[in-house]
Amino acid sequence: METKTLVVKVVAGSSAETNEMTALLMQKLQSNIENIKVTREKADTQTLDFGATLIAVIATPFAIELAKTLHAWLMKNNTAKLIIGKDREITAEGISREDLVEIVKEALGDSKAG
């Protein structure tokens, strides 16, 4: 089964809030999506925070489930926003589930995913 990588960065009010929300999103992705591998990266290795960037490696058929999980998380954590993608970043904030599905498909580089 083909796998794809998705980069998701959490942006919230403070550093502490961003760290907490990133941890919650990572946990949500791991519990909701089958066969996903999520790692957390720091933007600056000199800081003490855990990092706000998640690298998710998933099987292509789970792209829709990934988008649904991201959307549900955004609706629950409406003070945060997500920046999706690495080369071409797209900000997801106050967005419909359908639009987020399209953003995830585009970021994964597969318009037929899911």
C-alpha atoms as a PDB file:
ATOM      1  CA  MET A   1       0.000   0.000   0.000  1.00  0.00           C
ATOM      2  CA  GLU A   2       1.382   3.401  -0.988  1.00  0.00           C
ATOM      3  CA  THR A   3       2.172   5.855   1.800  1.00  0.00           C
ATOM      4  CA  LYS A   4       2.216   9.638   1.744  1.00  0.00           C
ATOM      5  CA  THR A   5       3.667  12.219   4.098  1.00  0.00           C
ATOM      6  CA  LEU A   6       1.767  15.237   5.376  1.00  0.00           C
ATOM      7  CA  VAL A   7       3.346  18.103   7.305  1.00  0.00           C
ATOM      8  CA  VAL A   8       1.014  19.899   9.723  1.00  0.00           C
ATOM      9  CA  LYS A   9       2.040  22.821  11.907  1.00  0.00           C
ATOM     10  CA  VAL A  10      -0.115  23.990  14.814  1.00  0.00           C
ATOM     11  CA  VAL A  11      -0.317  27.725  15.528  1.00  0.00           C
ATOM     12  CA  ALA A  12      -1.951  28.980  18.733  1.00  0.00           C
ATOM     13  CA  GLY A  13      -1.814  32.010  21.014  1.00  0.00           C
ATOM     14  CA  SER A  14       1.181  31.192  23.191  1.00  0.00           C
ATOM     15  CA  SER A  15       4.064  28.737  23.075  1.00  0.00           C
ATOM     16  CA  ALA A  16       2.578  26.716  25.928  1.00  0.00           C
ATOM     17  CA  GLU A  17      -0.838  26.588  24.232  1.00  0.00           C
ATOM     18  CA  THR A  18       0.765  25.582  20.928  1.00  0.00           C
ATOM     19  CA  ASN A  19       2.682  22.754  22.630  1.00  0.00           C
ATOM     20  CA  GLU A  20      -0.442  21.493  24.376  1.00  0.00           C
ATOM     21  CA  MET A  21      -2.578  21.646  21.234  1.00  0.00           C
ATOM     22  CA  THR A  22       0.118  19.928  19.160  1.00  0.00           C
ATOM     23  CA  ALA A  23       0.270  17.071  21.676  1.00  0.00           C
ATOM     24  CA  LEU A  24      -3.520  16.745  21.625  1.00  0.00           C
ATOM     25  CA  LEU A  25      -3.619  16.687  17.822  1.00  0.00           C
ATOM     26  CA  MET A  26      -0.859  14.077  17.670  1.00  0.00           C
ATOM     27  CA  GLN A  27      -2.762  11.885  20.127  1.00  0.00           C
ATOM     28  CA  LYS A  28      -6.017  12.342  18.182  1.00  0.00           C
ATOM     29  CA  LEU A  29      -4.399  11.385  14.881  1.00  0.00           C
ATOM     30  CA  GLN A  30      -2.794   8.280  16.390  1.00  0.00           C
ATOM     31  CA  SER A  31      -6.040   7.117  17.968  1.00  0.00           C
ATOM     32  CA  ASN A  32      -8.342   7.872  15.006  1.00  0.00           C
ATOM     33  CA  ILE A  33      -6.364   6.760  11.967  1.00  0.00           C
ATOM     34  CA  GLU A  34      -5.303   3.223  11.240  1.00  0.00           C
ATOM     35  CA  ASN A  35      -1.645   2.606  10.362  1.00  0.00           C
ATOM     36  CA  ILE A  36      -0.516   6.211  10.812  1.00  0.00           C
ATOM     37  CA  LYS A  37       2.950   7.155  11.996  1.00  0.00           C
ATOM     38  CA  VAL A  38       3.173  10.614  13.538  1.00  0.00           C
ATOM     39  CA  THR A  39       6.385  12.283  14.670  1.00  0.00           C
ATOM     40  CA  ARG A  40       6.906  15.711  16.155  1.00  0.00           C
ATOM     41  CA  GLU A  41       9.603  18.146  15.005  1.00  0.00           C
ATOM     42  CA  LYS A  42      11.004  21.352  16.391  1.00  0.00           C
ATOM     43  CA  ALA A  43      11.533  24.368  14.177  1.00  0.00           C
ATOM     44  CA  ASP A  44      14.454  25.507  16.347  1.00  0.00           C
ATOM     45  CA  THR A  45      16.657  22.947  18.087  1.00  0.00           C
ATOM     46  CA  GLN A  46      17.857  25.643  20.510  1.00  0.00           C
ATOM     47  CA  THR A  47      14.457  26.007  22.221  1.00  0.00           C
ATOM     48  CA  LEU A  48      13.095  23.869  25.033  1.00  0.00           C
ATOM     49  CA  ASP A  49       9.643  23.316  23.528  1.00  0.00           C
ATOM     50  CA  PHE A  50       8.677  20.002  21.957  1.00  0.00           C
ATOM     51  CA  GLY A  51       7.876  21.467  18.558  1.00  0.00           C
ATOM     52  CA  ALA A  52       4.661  22.387  16.823  1.00  0.00           C
ATOM     53  CA  THR A  53       5.193  20.514  13.560  1.00  0.00           C
ATOM     54  CA  LEU A  54       3.747  17.040  13.040  1.00  0.00           C
ATOM     55  CA  ILE A  55       4.950  14.734  10.278  1.00  0.00           C
ATOM     56  CA  ALA A  56       2.242  12.196   9.473  1.00  0.00           C
ATOM     57  CA  VAL A  57       2.951   9.190   7.273  1.00  0.00           C
ATOM     58  CA  ILE A  58      -0.253   7.440   6.192  1.00  0.00           C
ATOM     59  CA  ALA A  59      -1.490   4.981   3.625  1.00  0.00           C
ATOM     60  CA  THR A  60      -3.212   6.862   0.803  1.00  0.00           C
ATOM     61  CA  PRO A  61      -6.689   5.361   1.431  1.00  0.00           C
ATOM     62  CA  PHE A  62      -6.773   7.044   4.855  1.00  0.00           C
ATOM     63  CA  ALA A  63      -6.485  10.623   3.498  1.00  0.00           C
ATOM     64  CA  ILE A  64     -10.200  11.293   4.005  1.00  0.00           C
ATOM     65  CA  GLU A  65     -10.053  10.049   7.597  1.00  0.00           C
ATOM     66  CA  LEU A  66      -7.026  12.260   8.189  1.00  0.00           C
ATOM     67  CA  ALA A  67      -8.900  15.303   6.870  1.00  0.00           C
ATOM     68  CA  LYS A  68     -11.969  14.504   8.984  1.00  0.00           C
ATOM     69  CA  THR A  69      -9.820  14.166  12.100  1.00  0.00           C
ATOM     70  CA  LEU A  70      -8.036  17.457  11.389  1.00  0.00           C
ATOM     71  CA  HIS A  71     -11.392  19.185  10.819  1.00  0.00           C
ATOM     72  CA  ALA A  72     -12.916  17.816  14.037  1.00  0.00           C
ATOM     73  CA  TRP A  73      -9.823  18.943  15.945  1.00  0.00           C
ATOM     74  CA  LEU A  74     -10.034  22.432  14.410  1.00  0.00           C
ATOM     75  CA  MET A  75     -13.711  22.739  15.332  1.00  0.00           C
ATOM     76  CA  LYS A  76     -12.954  21.770  18.931  1.00  0.00           C
ATOM     77  CA  ASN A  77      -9.836  23.978  19.138  1.00  0.00           C
ATOM     78  CA  ASN A  78     -11.165  27.012  17.286  1.00  0.00           C
ATOM     79  CA  THR A  79      -8.506  29.363  18.687  1.00  0.00           C
ATOM     80  CA  ALA A  80      -5.821  27.496  16.756  1.00  0.00           C
ATOM     81  CA  LYS A  81      -5.022  27.194  13.092  1.00  0.00           C
ATOM     82  CA  LEU A  82      -3.170  24.583  11.082  1.00  0.00           C
ATOM     83  CA  ILE A  83      -0.581  25.176   8.407  1.00  0.00           C
ATOM     84  CA  ILE A  84      -0.638  22.208   6.056  1.00  0.00           C
ATOM     85  CA  GLY A  85       2.111  21.290   3.625  1.00  0.00           C
ATOM     86  CA  LYS A  86       5.836  21.809   3.431  1.00  0.00           C
ATOM     87  CA  ASP A  87       6.679  23.234   0.021  1.00  0.00           C
ATOM     88  CA  ARG A  88       3.338  24.965  -0.495  1.00  0.00           C
ATOM     89  CA  GLU A  89       1.815  25.866   2.851  1.00  0.00           C
ATOM     90  CA  ILE A  90      -1.947  26.281   3.181  1.00  0.00           C
ATOM     91  CA  THR A  91      -3.495  27.760   6.315  1.00  0.00           C
ATOM     92  CA  ALA A  92      -6.607  25.987   7.589  1.00  0.00           C
ATOM     93  CA  GLU A  93      -8.729  28.053   9.928  1.00  0.00           C
ATOM     94  CA  GLY A  94     -12.541  28.230  10.065  1.00  0.00           C
ATOM     95  CA  ILE A  95     -12.787  25.904   7.070  1.00  0.00           C
ATOM     96  CA  SER A  96     -15.409  23.403   5.938  1.00  0.00           C
ATOM     97  CA  ARG A  97     -14.717  19.681   6.084  1.00  0.00           C
ATOM     98  CA  GLU A  98     -15.009  19.422   2.294  1.00  0.00           C
ATOM     99  CA  ASP A  99     -12.444  22.177   1.738  1.00  0.00           C
ATOM    100  CA  LEU A 100     -10.082  20.576   4.248  1.00  0.00           C
ATOM    101  CA  VAL A 101     -10.405  17.239   2.451  1.00  0.00           C
ATOM    102  CA  GLU A 102      -9.339  18.963  -0.784  1.00  0.00           C
ATOM    103  CA  ILE A 103      -6.425  20.703   0.966  1.00  0.00           C
ATOM    104  CA  VAL A 104      -5.208  17.397   2.434  1.00  0.00           C
ATOM    105  CA  LYS A 105      -5.507  15.663  -0.942  1.00  0.00           C
ATOM    106  CA  GLU A 106      -3.537  18.466  -2.594  1.00  0.00           C
ATOM    107  CA  ALA A 107      -0.874  18.460   0.140  1.00  0.00           C
ATOM    108  CA  LEU A 108      -0.509  14.696  -0.242  1.00  0.00           C
ATOM    109  CA  GLY A 109      -0.106  15.217  -3.989  1.00  0.00           C
ATOM    110  CA  ASP A 110      -2.968  12.930  -4.876  1.00  0.00           C
ATOM    111  CA  SER A 111      -6.275  14.345  -6.101  1.00  0.00           C
ATOM    112  CA  LYS A 112      -7.694  10.795  -6.044  1.00  0.00           C
ATOM    113  CA  ALA A 113      -6.690   9.992  -2.442  1.00  0.00           C
ATOM    114  CA  GLY A 114      -9.432   8.523  -0.324  1.00  0.00           C
END
